[in-house]
Protein backbone atom coordinates (compact mmCIF):
# COMPACT_ATOMS: atom_id res chain seq x y z
CA MET A 1 -12.01 19.12 4.93
CA ASN A 2 -13.14 16.80 2.49
CA ASP A 3 -10.60 15.00 -0.15
CA ARG A 4 -11.56 17.13 -2.94
CA ALA A 5 -10.66 20.17 -0.73
CA TRP A 6 -6.83 18.45 0.04
CA ARG A 7 -6.35 17.62 -3.61
CA ILE A 8 -6.99 21.06 -4.28
CA LEU A 9 -4.50 22.70 -1.78
CA THR A 10 -2.07 20.12 -2.72
CA TRP A 11 -1.65 21.25 -6.41
CA VAL A 12 -1.49 25.09 -4.54
CA ALA A 13 1.23 23.75 -2.76
CA LEU A 14 3.04 22.31 -5.66
CA ALA A 15 2.42 25.35 -7.30
CA PHE A 16 3.89 27.58 -4.35
CA PHE A 17 6.85 25.19 -4.59
CA PHE A 18 7.87 26.06 -8.17
CA ALA A 19 7.36 29.50 -7.72
CA VAL A 20 9.83 29.60 -4.73
CA TYR A 21 12.18 27.75 -6.93
CA ILE A 22 11.58 30.24 -9.57
CA ILE A 23 12.36 33.55 -7.74
CA ASP A 24 14.55 32.63 -5.18
CA PRO A 25 14.48 34.59 -2.42
CA THR A 26 18.20 33.41 -1.47
CA LYS A 27 19.73 35.11 -4.54
CA LYS A 28 21.39 38.02 -2.77
CA ILE A 29 22.88 36.70 -0.49
CA ALA A 30 26.71 36.86 -1.41
CA ASP A 31 28.44 33.81 0.78
CA PRO A 32 27.59 30.73 -1.34
CA THR A 33 27.74 28.11 1.32
CA ALA A 34 25.10 30.08 3.22
CA ARG A 35 23.68 30.79 0.11
CA MET A 36 23.17 26.69 -0.94
CA LEU A 37 21.98 26.11 2.72
CA ALA A 38 19.75 28.94 2.91
CA LYS A 39 18.38 27.93 -0.93
CA ALA A 40 17.89 24.18 0.22
CA ALA A 41 15.79 25.04 3.68
CA VAL A 42 13.59 27.45 1.70
CA LEU A 43 12.51 24.86 -1.13
CA ARG A 44 12.23 21.81 1.58
CA ALA A 45 10.25 24.14 3.59
CA ALA A 46 7.94 24.87 0.89
CA ALA A 47 7.81 20.78 -0.49
CA VAL A 48 6.98 20.19 3.46
CA LEU A 49 3.70 22.16 2.29
CA VAL A 50 2.86 19.51 -0.54
CA PHE A 51 3.59 16.70 1.14
CA VAL A 52 1.71 17.59 4.80
CA CYS A 53 -1.08 17.74 2.01
CA CYS A 54 -0.86 14.51 0.61
CA VAL A 55 -0.90 13.02 4.38
CA PHE A 56 -3.73 14.57 4.46
CA THR A 57 -5.53 13.56 1.76
CA LEU A 58 -4.71 9.85 2.44
CA ARG A 59 -5.88 10.31 6.09
CA LEU A 60 -2.60 8.84 7.51
CA ARG A 61 -2.05 8.76 10.59
CA LEU A 62 1.81 9.30 11.60
CA PHE A 63 1.98 10.67 15.10
CA ALA A 64 0.66 7.89 17.75
CA ARG A 65 1.18 8.93 21.37
CA PRO A 66 5.15 8.55 22.29
CA THR A 67 5.10 6.20 25.28
CA ALA A 68 8.46 5.02 27.24
CA ARG A 69 8.66 1.73 25.14
CA HIS A 70 9.52 3.44 22.36
CA LEU A 71 12.67 4.12 23.78
CA ALA A 72 14.00 0.90 23.30
CA VAL A 73 14.41 1.93 19.11
CA PHE A 74 14.73 5.62 19.26
CA LEU A 75 17.74 5.96 21.71
CA PRO A 76 19.40 3.32 19.60
CA ALA A 77 19.17 5.09 16.68
CA MET A 78 20.08 8.63 18.50
CA ALA A 79 23.61 6.68 19.53
CA VAL A 80 23.99 6.90 15.00
CA ALA A 81 22.82 10.39 14.78
CA LEU A 82 25.44 11.72 17.74
CA ASN A 83 27.68 9.43 16.55
CA ASN A 84 27.60 10.68 13.27
CA VAL A 85 28.85 14.38 14.39
CA PRO A 86 32.73 14.40 14.67
CA TRP A 87 33.05 14.91 18.32
CA LEU A 88 36.81 12.51 18.62
CA PRO A 89 38.64 14.58 15.78
CA LEU A 90 37.03 17.71 17.71
CA ALA A 91 38.55 16.58 21.25
CA THR A 92 41.81 15.58 19.93
CA GLY A 93 42.13 18.83 17.56
CA ASP A 94 42.54 16.84 14.37
CA ALA A 95 39.64 19.29 13.51
CA ALA A 96 37.63 22.79 14.61
CA VAL A 97 35.07 24.50 13.82
CA ALA A 98 35.77 27.19 11.25
CA ARG A 99 32.50 28.69 10.24
CA THR A 100 30.47 29.21 13.52
CA ASP A 101 28.42 31.65 11.36
CA LEU A 102 26.39 29.07 10.00
CA ILE A 103 25.74 26.93 12.70
CA GLY A 104 22.03 28.63 12.76
CA LEU A 105 21.28 28.30 9.24
CA LEU A 106 22.87 24.73 8.80
CA ALA A 107 20.21 23.63 12.31
CA LEU A 108 17.46 25.06 9.91
CA HIS A 109 18.57 23.33 6.70
CA VAL A 110 18.80 19.66 8.10
CA LEU A 111 15.48 20.75 10.21
CA CYS A 112 13.50 20.77 6.97
CA VAL A 113 15.37 18.09 4.96
CA GLY A 114 14.79 15.96 8.01
CA VAL A 115 10.58 17.01 7.91
CA LEU A 116 10.12 16.27 4.27
CA GLU A 117 12.62 13.28 3.55
CA GLU A 118 10.70 11.85 6.45
CA LEU A 119 7.21 12.78 5.59
CA ALA A 120 7.48 11.73 1.73
CA PHE A 121 9.63 8.21 2.21
CA ARG A 122 8.22 7.22 5.47
CA GLY A 123 4.99 9.31 6.49
CA VAL A 124 3.62 8.78 2.70
CA LEU A 125 5.37 6.07 0.65
CA LEU A 126 6.15 3.41 3.49
CA PRO A 127 2.37 3.62 4.19
CA LEU A 128 1.00 3.10 0.74
CA LEU A 129 3.94 -0.12 0.23
CA LEU A 130 1.98 -1.59 3.25
CA ARG A 131 -1.46 -0.71 1.68
CA ARG A 132 0.31 -2.50 -1.83
CA PHE A 133 2.20 -5.19 0.07
CA GLY A 134 0.15 -6.05 2.79
CA ALA A 135 0.19 -6.01 6.64
CA THR A 136 2.36 -9.10 6.93
CA ALA A 137 5.45 -10.57 7.56
CA ARG A 138 6.66 -10.88 3.87
CA GLY A 139 4.35 -7.23 3.19
CA MET A 140 6.92 -5.48 6.05
CA TRP A 141 10.15 -6.78 4.84
CA LYS A 142 9.49 -5.20 0.94
CA SER A 143 7.72 -1.97 2.29
CA VAL A 144 10.54 -1.50 3.98
CA LEU A 145 13.67 -2.35 1.82
CA LEU A 146 12.04 -0.83 -0.95
CA SER A 147 11.28 2.65 0.55
CA SER A 148 15.00 2.25 1.55
CA VAL A 149 16.41 1.43 -1.67
CA ILE A 150 14.24 4.24 -3.41
CA PHE A 151 15.38 6.96 -0.45
CA GLY A 152 18.53 6.04 -1.62
CA PHE A 153 19.02 6.00 -5.07
CA VAL A 154 17.05 9.32 -4.85
CA HIS A 155 20.35 11.08 -3.52
CA LEU A 156 22.07 9.89 -7.34
CA VAL A 157 20.13 13.62 -8.03
CA ASN A 158 23.38 15.09 -5.95
CA LEU A 159 25.32 14.46 -9.52
CA ILE A 160 23.46 17.00 -10.99
CA GLU A 161 24.37 19.38 -8.68
CA GLY A 162 28.05 18.60 -8.89
CA ALA A 163 29.03 16.25 -6.11
CA GLY A 164 31.58 13.48 -6.73
CA VAL A 165 30.83 10.05 -7.75
CA ALA A 166 32.01 8.50 -5.19
CA ALA A 167 30.65 10.79 -2.55
CA THR A 168 27.44 9.99 -4.18
CA LEU A 169 27.38 6.71 -3.95
CA MET A 170 28.54 6.31 -0.63
CA GLN A 171 25.74 8.39 0.69
CA VAL A 172 23.43 6.36 -1.27
CA GLY A 173 24.27 3.53 0.46
CA TYR A 174 24.27 4.99 3.81
CA SER A 175 20.68 6.53 2.44
CA ILE A 176 19.70 3.17 1.69
CA LEU A 177 20.85 2.05 5.69
CA THR A 178 19.28 5.08 7.64
CA GLY A 179 16.04 4.50 5.63
CA ALA A 180 15.77 0.82 7.03
CA LEU A 181 16.49 2.37 10.42
CA CYS A 182 13.74 5.20 9.90
CA ALA A 183 11.00 2.67 8.61
CA VAL A 184 11.73 0.26 11.62
CA LEU A 185 11.86 3.32 13.63
CA LEU A 186 8.49 3.90 12.34
CA LEU A 187 6.97 0.34 12.18
CA ARG A 188 7.97 0.03 15.70
CA THR A 189 6.36 3.09 17.46
CA GLY A 190 3.74 4.94 14.80
CA ASN A 191 5.52 8.12 15.39
CA LEU A 192 7.08 10.04 12.23
CA GLY A 193 8.51 12.71 14.90
CA TYR A 194 10.96 10.30 16.49
CA CYS A 195 12.31 9.45 12.52
CA MET A 196 12.07 13.73 11.97
CA VAL A 197 14.33 14.08 15.11
CA PHE A 198 16.87 11.03 13.87
CA HIS A 199 17.47 12.91 10.15
CA ALA A 200 17.40 16.25 11.44
CA VAL A 201 20.39 15.40 14.28
CA PHE A 202 22.39 12.91 11.38
CA ASN A 203 22.13 15.46 9.00
CA PHE A 204 23.42 17.77 11.63
CA GLY A 205 26.49 15.99 11.99
CA GLY A 206 27.11 15.20 8.60
CA GLY A 207 26.54 19.04 7.80
CA MET A 208 29.24 20.01 10.23
CA ALA A 209 31.56 17.99 8.70
CA ALA A 210 30.61 18.62 5.06
CA TYR A 211 30.38 22.84 5.56
CA LEU A 212 31.53 24.02 9.13
CA VAL A 213 34.51 22.01 10.39
CA GLU A 214 38.07 21.81 9.02
CA GLY A 215 40.90 19.25 9.39
CA ARG A 216 41.20 15.97 9.68
CA ILE A 217 37.45 14.41 10.15
CA TRP A 218 38.15 10.40 9.45
CA THR A 219 40.72 9.68 12.16
CA LEU A 220 41.34 5.99 12.94
CA PRO A 221 39.32 6.01 16.47
CA ASN A 222 36.50 7.91 15.31
CA ILE A 223 36.27 4.70 12.40
CA LEU A 224 36.43 2.33 14.82
CA GLY A 225 33.75 4.17 16.72
CA THR A 226 31.88 4.59 13.84
CA VAL A 227 31.65 1.53 12.56
CA ALA A 228 31.16 -0.23 15.99
CA VAL A 229 28.35 1.92 16.70
CA GLY A 230 27.01 1.02 13.19
CA VAL A 231 26.75 -2.32 13.40
CA ALA A 232 25.19 -2.78 17.30
CA VAL A 233 22.76 -0.52 16.28
CA GLY A 234 22.29 -2.29 12.96
CA VAL A 235 21.64 -5.38 14.72
CA TRP A 236 19.61 -4.33 17.53
CA THR A 237 17.50 -3.09 14.69
CA ILE A 238 17.23 -5.84 12.64
CA LEU A 239 15.96 -8.04 15.83
CA SER A 240 14.03 -5.38 16.74
CA PHE A 241 12.11 -5.84 13.42
CA CYS A 242 12.04 -9.23 13.15
CA ARG A 243 9.93 -9.37 16.83
CA LEU A 244 7.55 -7.36 15.06
CA ASN A 245 4.26 -8.77 14.59
CA PRO A 246 2.20 -7.91 11.78
CA ARG A 247 -0.40 -7.10 13.65
CA ASP A 248 1.56 -4.65 15.86
CA LEU A 249 1.97 -2.63 13.26
CA PRO A 250 0.58 1.25 13.49
CA ASP A 251 -2.55 1.63 12.33
CA PHE A 252 -1.47 4.28 9.44
CA ASP A 253 -5.08 4.47 8.14
CA GLY A 254 -7.56 4.40 11.16
CA MET A 255 -8.90 1.36 10.01
CA PRO A 256 -9.67 -1.95 12.25
CA ARG A 257 -7.23 -4.74 11.27
CA GLU A 258 -7.94 -8.08 11.83
CA LYS A 259 -6.46 -9.64 14.42
CA THR A 260 -4.41 -12.60 13.90
CA ASN A 261 -1.79 -14.70 15.23
CA GLU A 262 0.11 -15.16 12.71
CA LYS A 263 3.48 -13.76 11.48
CA GLY A 264 3.53 -14.34 8.26
CA ASP A 265 1.14 -13.87 4.86
């Protein structure tokens, strides 16, 4: 389809999103936690359609062929995501899964969140920032930092939904960090699928702690393990990003890029 058709479909998808929001097909669910998860999943699934149309309108190429070299950045990222699951408190008995009935719904919720937010912030925003700042070393840093900060501060909307100030500010902080990790992951691999998988698994761990598990989550061993994994992967990610030459950036636009040996601008 041509650009005009995709623009029309974008507006149709946006109208569909607002229709779903107004109708609220989850309003008959009695359990408040189940309804919250279901409503969030349905709304985000509807919003995914909007950003899929945006990707096609902008003619972005976001799913490069996976290769074994991608594992060097994907596996460390997955270490962070898997560490977010409260394995230690569950193993030691400090915590226990109390709502097994919500596991499937939580999985659907985090999948919709991961796909939507990665499409929006790494799939659309990051390539647009690269267009604006240029495919140079300075342009990469600006694009990664700005897209990550925007991603983090968007989570301030949770205050409107009644979330606590301290918890929301903490979420803003770690969202900036995980956003930067996903941005580097996309720039190193050219495949948004890795970011979606990381995001969904990371959120599933956080969702377990918030909705499924009762007991002491943040025990000292869990805190120390989280800090150790976070610091190690953070350092590895920064080093991986610093070694990225602008000429090796993914071709999101499908247009030939002038080859250069310079890493700066």
